Each structure stands twice: as structure tokens, then as C-alpha cells.
Amino acid sequence: MLTLDEAIKHCEEKAEANRGAAESWKREGFEASAADCEECAAEHEQLANWLKELKELRTREALREMDKLVLKPNVQLQDLLGIPDACRNCSNHPSNGGSGICHCINGLTPTEW
């Protein structure tokens, strides 16, 4: 599986290769083939640009999330992990160092187990 950076690089390489192929086809007099390669190059370039935009958006979102943590020092790890309120004080819940056999998610309190 490709990483986002690898996908960007792949698209840029394909765009460059297709531009080179288009030039070769033009020199040989095959305008239709050259046009196909130019179109493919443009599509790969557009895809690379979209992937770069996605990468930038993901980076911005990650920075926003980090800013939330830095700006709000009282944020609890359980809040970030989406731990249900019923589990927050359960000694068996994994988020509290428990074994992972937690019944409070099903609405039971420790006294009802």
C-alpha cells in the first residue's frame, strides 16, 4: 500500500513520463498518441495536486487537534478516546488500567455484575 507521499511522487513521475512520451510521439508524427499522453500527464498532475491538498488538509486538522490539547490542559484522555461516561470510574475498563472485562458499557454498575 502506498503512503500519501509515495502516491504524490508516483503521480508526478507518471505525469513527467507521459509528457516525455508525448514529445516522442510528436517527433514521430503521431499527434493522436501525443494528445493521449498529454491528457494522461495532465490527469496525473491534477491527481498529484489533489493528493497534496489532501495532505495539507490532514496536516492542518492534526495541528488543530494538537492545539485543542495544548490550549485546554484540563482535557481528559477519556474524553479524547470517547470513553462512555458509565465506564470512566470502572476499575475493570481498559482505560483505567483494568482487565478489559467491563460491563458498565451495557448500563450495569459494578454492584450489578
N, C-alpha and C. Protein backbone atom coordinates (compact mmCIF):
# COMPACT_ATOMS: atom_id res chain seq x y z
N MET A 1 0.84 -1.18 0.00
CA MET A 1 0.00 0.00 0.00
C MET A 1 0.89 1.24 0.00
N LEU A 2 0.49 2.23 -0.76
CA LEU A 2 1.26 3.46 -0.86
C LEU A 2 0.94 4.43 0.27
N THR A 3 1.95 5.17 0.69
CA THR A 3 1.69 6.29 1.58
C THR A 3 1.23 7.45 0.73
N LEU A 4 0.73 8.49 1.35
CA LEU A 4 0.29 9.66 0.61
C LEU A 4 1.46 10.29 -0.14
N ASP A 5 2.62 10.39 0.50
CA ASP A 5 3.80 10.94 -0.17
C ASP A 5 4.23 10.10 -1.36
N GLU A 6 4.16 8.77 -1.21
CA GLU A 6 4.53 7.89 -2.31
C GLU A 6 3.54 8.03 -3.48
N ALA A 7 2.26 8.20 -3.16
CA ALA A 7 1.25 8.37 -4.21
C ALA A 7 1.47 9.68 -4.96
N ILE A 8 1.81 10.73 -4.22
CA ILE A 8 2.10 12.02 -4.86
C ILE A 8 3.29 11.88 -5.80
N LYS A 9 4.35 11.26 -5.30
CA LYS A 9 5.56 11.07 -6.11
C LYS A 9 5.25 10.24 -7.36
N HIS A 10 4.47 9.17 -7.18
CA HIS A 10 4.10 8.30 -8.30
C HIS A 10 3.35 9.10 -9.37
N CYS A 11 2.40 9.91 -8.96
CA CYS A 11 1.63 10.70 -9.93
C CYS A 11 2.52 11.71 -10.65
N GLU A 12 3.41 12.34 -9.92
CA GLU A 12 4.33 13.30 -10.54
C GLU A 12 5.25 12.60 -11.54
N GLU A 13 5.74 11.42 -11.20
CA GLU A 13 6.60 10.66 -12.11
C GLU A 13 5.84 10.24 -13.36
N LYS A 14 4.59 9.80 -13.17
CA LYS A 14 3.78 9.39 -14.33
C LYS A 14 3.48 10.58 -15.23
N ALA A 15 3.21 11.74 -14.63
CA ALA A 15 2.95 12.94 -15.43
C ALA A 15 4.18 13.30 -16.26
N GLU A 16 5.34 13.25 -15.63
CA GLU A 16 6.59 13.57 -16.34
C GLU A 16 6.86 12.56 -17.46
N ALA A 17 6.67 11.29 -17.16
CA ALA A 17 6.91 10.24 -18.16
C ALA A 17 5.95 10.40 -19.35
N ASN A 18 4.70 10.72 -19.07
CA ASN A 18 3.73 10.89 -20.15
C ASN A 18 4.03 12.12 -20.99
N ARG A 19 4.57 13.17 -20.36
CA ARG A 19 4.96 14.34 -21.15
C ARG A 19 6.11 13.99 -22.09
N GLY A 20 7.06 13.20 -21.58
CA GLY A 20 8.17 12.74 -22.42
C GLY A 20 7.69 11.87 -23.56
N ALA A 21 6.75 10.99 -23.27
CA ALA A 21 6.19 10.13 -24.31
C ALA A 21 5.45 10.95 -25.35
N ALA A 22 4.75 11.98 -24.91
CA ALA A 22 4.02 12.84 -25.84
C ALA A 22 5.00 13.52 -26.80
N GLU A 23 6.12 13.99 -26.26
CA GLU A 23 7.12 14.62 -27.13
C GLU A 23 7.67 13.63 -28.16
N SER A 24 7.92 12.41 -27.72
CA SER A 24 8.41 11.38 -28.64
C SER A 24 7.40 11.10 -29.74
N TRP A 25 6.12 10.96 -29.37
CA TRP A 25 5.08 10.71 -30.36
C TRP A 25 4.97 11.86 -31.35
N LYS A 26 5.12 13.09 -30.84
CA LYS A 26 5.06 14.26 -31.74
C LYS A 26 6.19 14.23 -32.76
N ARG A 27 7.40 13.91 -32.29
CA ARG A 27 8.56 13.84 -33.21
C ARG A 27 8.35 12.79 -34.28
N GLU A 28 7.63 11.72 -33.95
CA GLU A 28 7.37 10.64 -34.91
C GLU A 28 6.16 10.93 -35.80
N GLY A 29 5.45 12.03 -35.46
CA GLY A 29 4.30 12.39 -36.28
C GLY A 29 2.98 11.77 -35.86
N PHE A 30 2.94 11.20 -34.68
CA PHE A 30 1.72 10.57 -34.18
C PHE A 30 1.01 11.53 -33.21
N GLU A 31 0.31 12.48 -33.77
CA GLU A 31 -0.33 13.53 -32.97
C GLU A 31 -1.40 12.98 -32.03
N ALA A 32 -2.17 11.99 -32.47
CA ALA A 32 -3.24 11.43 -31.64
C ALA A 32 -2.65 10.76 -30.40
N SER A 33 -1.58 10.01 -30.59
CA SER A 33 -0.93 9.35 -29.45
C SER A 33 -0.31 10.38 -28.53
N ALA A 34 0.26 11.44 -29.10
CA ALA A 34 0.84 12.51 -28.31
C ALA A 34 -0.24 13.19 -27.46
N ALA A 35 -1.39 13.41 -28.05
CA ALA A 35 -2.50 14.05 -27.33
C ALA A 35 -2.97 13.17 -26.18
N ASP A 36 -3.03 11.85 -26.42
CA ASP A 36 -3.42 10.92 -25.36
C ASP A 36 -2.45 11.00 -24.18
N CYS A 37 -1.16 11.03 -24.50
CA CYS A 37 -0.14 11.10 -23.44
C CYS A 37 -0.21 12.43 -22.70
N GLU A 38 -0.46 13.51 -23.42
CA GLU A 38 -0.58 14.82 -22.78
C GLU A 38 -1.78 14.85 -21.84
N GLU A 39 -2.89 14.24 -22.28
CA GLU A 39 -4.09 14.17 -21.44
C GLU A 39 -3.81 13.35 -20.18
N CYS A 40 -3.13 12.22 -20.35
CA CYS A 40 -2.78 11.37 -19.21
C CYS A 40 -1.86 12.12 -18.25
N ALA A 41 -0.90 12.87 -18.80
CA ALA A 41 0.01 13.65 -17.97
C ALA A 41 -0.76 14.69 -17.16
N ALA A 42 -1.69 15.37 -17.81
CA ALA A 42 -2.49 16.38 -17.12
C ALA A 42 -3.34 15.77 -16.02
N GLU A 43 -3.89 14.58 -16.27
CA GLU A 43 -4.70 13.90 -15.25
C GLU A 43 -3.85 13.50 -14.05
N HIS A 44 -2.66 12.98 -14.31
CA HIS A 44 -1.78 12.60 -13.20
C HIS A 44 -1.32 13.84 -12.42
N GLU A 45 -1.08 14.92 -13.13
CA GLU A 45 -0.69 16.16 -12.45
C GLU A 45 -1.84 16.66 -11.56
N GLN A 46 -3.07 16.60 -12.07
CA GLN A 46 -4.24 17.01 -11.27
C GLN A 46 -4.39 16.11 -10.05
N LEU A 47 -4.23 14.82 -10.23
CA LEU A 47 -4.32 13.90 -9.11
C LEU A 47 -3.25 14.20 -8.06
N ALA A 48 -2.03 14.46 -8.50
CA ALA A 48 -0.95 14.82 -7.58
C ALA A 48 -1.32 16.08 -6.80
N ASN A 49 -1.91 17.06 -7.48
CA ASN A 49 -2.31 18.29 -6.80
C ASN A 49 -3.40 18.03 -5.77
N TRP A 50 -4.35 17.18 -6.11
CA TRP A 50 -5.40 16.84 -5.14
C TRP A 50 -4.82 16.12 -3.93
N LEU A 51 -3.88 15.21 -4.17
CA LEU A 51 -3.25 14.49 -3.07
C LEU A 51 -2.45 15.44 -2.18
N LYS A 52 -1.78 16.42 -2.79
CA LYS A 52 -1.06 17.43 -2.00
C LYS A 52 -2.03 18.24 -1.15
N GLU A 53 -3.17 18.57 -1.73
CA GLU A 53 -4.19 19.32 -0.99
C GLU A 53 -4.72 18.48 0.18
N LEU A 54 -4.97 17.20 -0.07
CA LEU A 54 -5.42 16.31 1.00
C LEU A 54 -4.39 16.25 2.12
N LYS A 55 -3.13 16.12 1.74
CA LYS A 55 -2.05 16.07 2.74
C LYS A 55 -2.03 17.34 3.58
N GLU A 56 -2.17 18.48 2.92
CA GLU A 56 -2.18 19.76 3.63
C GLU A 56 -3.37 19.86 4.58
N LEU A 57 -4.54 19.43 4.12
CA LEU A 57 -5.73 19.47 4.97
C LEU A 57 -5.58 18.54 6.17
N ARG A 58 -5.03 17.36 5.97
CA ARG A 58 -4.80 16.43 7.08
C ARG A 58 -3.82 17.02 8.08
N THR A 59 -2.78 17.67 7.57
CA THR A 59 -1.79 18.29 8.44
C THR A 59 -2.42 19.40 9.26
N ARG A 60 -3.21 20.24 8.59
CA ARG A 60 -3.90 21.32 9.30
C ARG A 60 -4.82 20.78 10.38
N GLU A 61 -5.58 19.72 10.05
CA GLU A 61 -6.51 19.13 11.01
C GLU A 61 -5.75 18.55 12.20
N ALA A 62 -4.65 17.89 11.94
CA ALA A 62 -3.84 17.34 13.04
C ALA A 62 -3.31 18.46 13.92
N LEU A 63 -2.88 19.55 13.32
CA LEU A 63 -2.39 20.69 14.11
C LEU A 63 -3.51 21.31 14.93
N ARG A 64 -4.71 21.39 14.35
CA ARG A 64 -5.85 21.92 15.10
C ARG A 64 -6.15 21.05 16.31
N GLU A 65 -6.09 19.73 16.12
CA GLU A 65 -6.35 18.81 17.24
C GLU A 65 -5.28 18.98 18.32
N MET A 66 -4.02 19.14 17.91
CA MET A 66 -2.95 19.35 18.90
C MET A 66 -3.15 20.67 19.63
N ASP A 67 -3.58 21.71 18.90
CA ASP A 67 -3.83 23.00 19.53
C ASP A 67 -4.92 22.87 20.59
N LYS A 68 -5.94 22.08 20.32
CA LYS A 68 -7.01 21.89 21.30
C LYS A 68 -6.44 21.32 22.59
N LEU A 69 -5.53 20.37 22.46
CA LEU A 69 -4.95 19.75 23.64
C LEU A 69 -4.06 20.73 24.40
N VAL A 70 -3.29 21.50 23.65
CA VAL A 70 -2.38 22.46 24.28
C VAL A 70 -3.16 23.59 24.93
N LEU A 71 -4.21 24.06 24.26
CA LEU A 71 -4.98 25.18 24.77
C LEU A 71 -5.92 24.79 25.91
N LYS A 72 -6.23 23.51 26.03
CA LYS A 72 -7.14 23.04 27.07
C LYS A 72 -6.44 21.97 27.90
N PRO A 73 -5.63 22.37 28.84
CA PRO A 73 -4.88 21.38 29.61
C PRO A 73 -5.75 20.48 30.47
N ASN A 74 -7.00 20.84 30.69
CA ASN A 74 -7.86 20.01 31.53
C ASN A 74 -8.61 18.94 30.74
N VAL A 75 -8.29 18.79 29.44
CA VAL A 75 -8.93 17.76 28.63
C VAL A 75 -8.48 16.40 29.14
N GLN A 76 -9.42 15.53 29.36
CA GLN A 76 -9.14 14.19 29.87
C GLN A 76 -8.88 13.24 28.71
N LEU A 77 -7.96 12.31 28.90
CA LEU A 77 -7.69 11.30 27.88
C LEU A 77 -8.96 10.55 27.53
N GLN A 78 -9.78 10.28 28.53
CA GLN A 78 -11.02 9.54 28.28
C GLN A 78 -11.95 10.31 27.36
N ASP A 79 -11.91 11.65 27.42
CA ASP A 79 -12.72 12.46 26.51
C ASP A 79 -12.25 12.27 25.08
N LEU A 80 -10.93 12.27 24.89
CA LEU A 80 -10.36 12.13 23.56
C LEU A 80 -10.63 10.76 22.97
N LEU A 81 -10.64 9.75 23.80
CA LEU A 81 -10.84 8.38 23.34
C LEU A 81 -12.30 8.02 23.18
N GLY A 82 -13.19 8.90 23.62
CA GLY A 82 -14.62 8.64 23.50
C GLY A 82 -15.11 7.57 24.46
N ILE A 83 -14.51 7.50 25.64
CA ILE A 83 -14.92 6.51 26.65
C ILE A 83 -16.29 6.91 27.19
N PRO A 84 -17.26 5.99 27.20
CA PRO A 84 -18.58 6.33 27.74
C PRO A 84 -18.49 6.78 29.20
N ASP A 85 -19.36 7.71 29.57
CA ASP A 85 -19.38 8.21 30.95
C ASP A 85 -19.49 7.06 31.96
N ALA A 86 -20.29 6.05 31.63
CA ALA A 86 -20.50 4.94 32.56
C ALA A 86 -19.22 4.18 32.86
N CYS A 87 -18.24 4.24 31.97
CA CYS A 87 -17.00 3.48 32.13
C CYS A 87 -15.89 4.27 32.82
N ARG A 88 -16.07 5.55 32.99
CA ARG A 88 -14.97 6.39 33.44
C ARG A 88 -14.43 6.04 34.81
N ASN A 89 -15.27 5.53 35.69
CA ASN A 89 -14.80 5.18 37.03
C ASN A 89 -14.76 3.67 37.25
N CYS A 90 -14.92 2.92 36.18
CA CYS A 90 -14.93 1.46 36.28
C CYS A 90 -13.49 0.95 36.36
N SER A 91 -13.17 0.27 37.42
CA SER A 91 -11.80 -0.24 37.59
C SER A 91 -11.47 -1.35 36.61
N ASN A 92 -12.48 -1.98 35.99
CA ASN A 92 -12.24 -3.04 35.03
C ASN A 92 -12.04 -2.54 33.61
N HIS A 93 -12.40 -1.29 33.35
CA HIS A 93 -12.30 -0.77 31.99
C HIS A 93 -10.83 -0.57 31.63
N PRO A 94 -10.43 -0.94 30.39
CA PRO A 94 -9.02 -0.81 29.99
C PRO A 94 -8.47 0.61 30.10
N SER A 95 -9.32 1.62 29.93
CA SER A 95 -8.83 3.00 30.02
C SER A 95 -8.40 3.35 31.44
N ASN A 96 -8.84 2.56 32.40
CA ASN A 96 -8.47 2.79 33.81
C ASN A 96 -7.47 1.74 34.29
N GLY A 97 -6.87 1.03 33.36
CA GLY A 97 -5.88 0.03 33.73
C GLY A 97 -6.48 -1.32 34.07
N GLY A 98 -7.76 -1.51 33.78
CA GLY A 98 -8.43 -2.76 34.11
C GLY A 98 -8.15 -3.85 33.09
N SER A 99 -8.75 -5.00 33.34
CA SER A 99 -8.54 -6.18 32.51
C SER A 99 -9.21 -6.11 31.16
N GLY A 100 -10.17 -5.22 31.02
CA GLY A 100 -10.90 -5.12 29.77
C GLY A 100 -12.25 -5.77 29.82
N ILE A 101 -12.55 -6.47 30.89
CA ILE A 101 -13.88 -7.07 31.07
C ILE A 101 -14.73 -6.05 31.80
N CYS A 102 -15.38 -5.22 31.02
CA CYS A 102 -16.10 -4.07 31.56
C CYS A 102 -17.57 -4.22 31.19
N HIS A 103 -18.42 -4.26 32.19
CA HIS A 103 -19.86 -4.42 31.94
C HIS A 103 -20.60 -3.09 31.99
N CYS A 104 -19.93 -2.04 32.38
CA CYS A 104 -20.61 -0.76 32.52
C CYS A 104 -21.07 -0.21 31.18
N ILE A 105 -20.48 -0.64 30.09
CA ILE A 105 -20.90 -0.20 28.77
C ILE A 105 -22.35 -0.63 28.51
N ASN A 106 -22.73 -1.76 29.07
CA ASN A 106 -24.09 -2.28 28.89
C ASN A 106 -25.08 -1.69 29.86
N GLY A 107 -24.67 -0.65 30.59
CA GLY A 107 -25.57 0.02 31.51
C GLY A 107 -25.57 -0.58 32.92
N LEU A 108 -24.70 -1.52 33.18
CA LEU A 108 -24.63 -2.12 34.51
C LEU A 108 -23.63 -1.39 35.37
N THR A 109 -23.92 -1.24 36.62
CA THR A 109 -22.96 -0.64 37.53
C THR A 109 -22.17 -1.77 38.18
N PRO A 110 -21.00 -1.49 38.77
CA PRO A 110 -20.20 -2.56 39.38
C PRO A 110 -20.98 -3.39 40.40
N THR A 111 -21.97 -2.81 41.05
CA THR A 111 -22.72 -3.59 42.04
C THR A 111 -23.70 -4.56 41.40
N GLU A 112 -24.03 -4.37 40.13
CA GLU A 112 -24.98 -5.24 39.44
C GLU A 112 -24.33 -6.42 38.72
N TRP A 113 -23.01 -6.49 38.69
CA TRP A 113 -22.33 -7.56 37.95
C TRP A 113 -22.62 -8.83 38.61
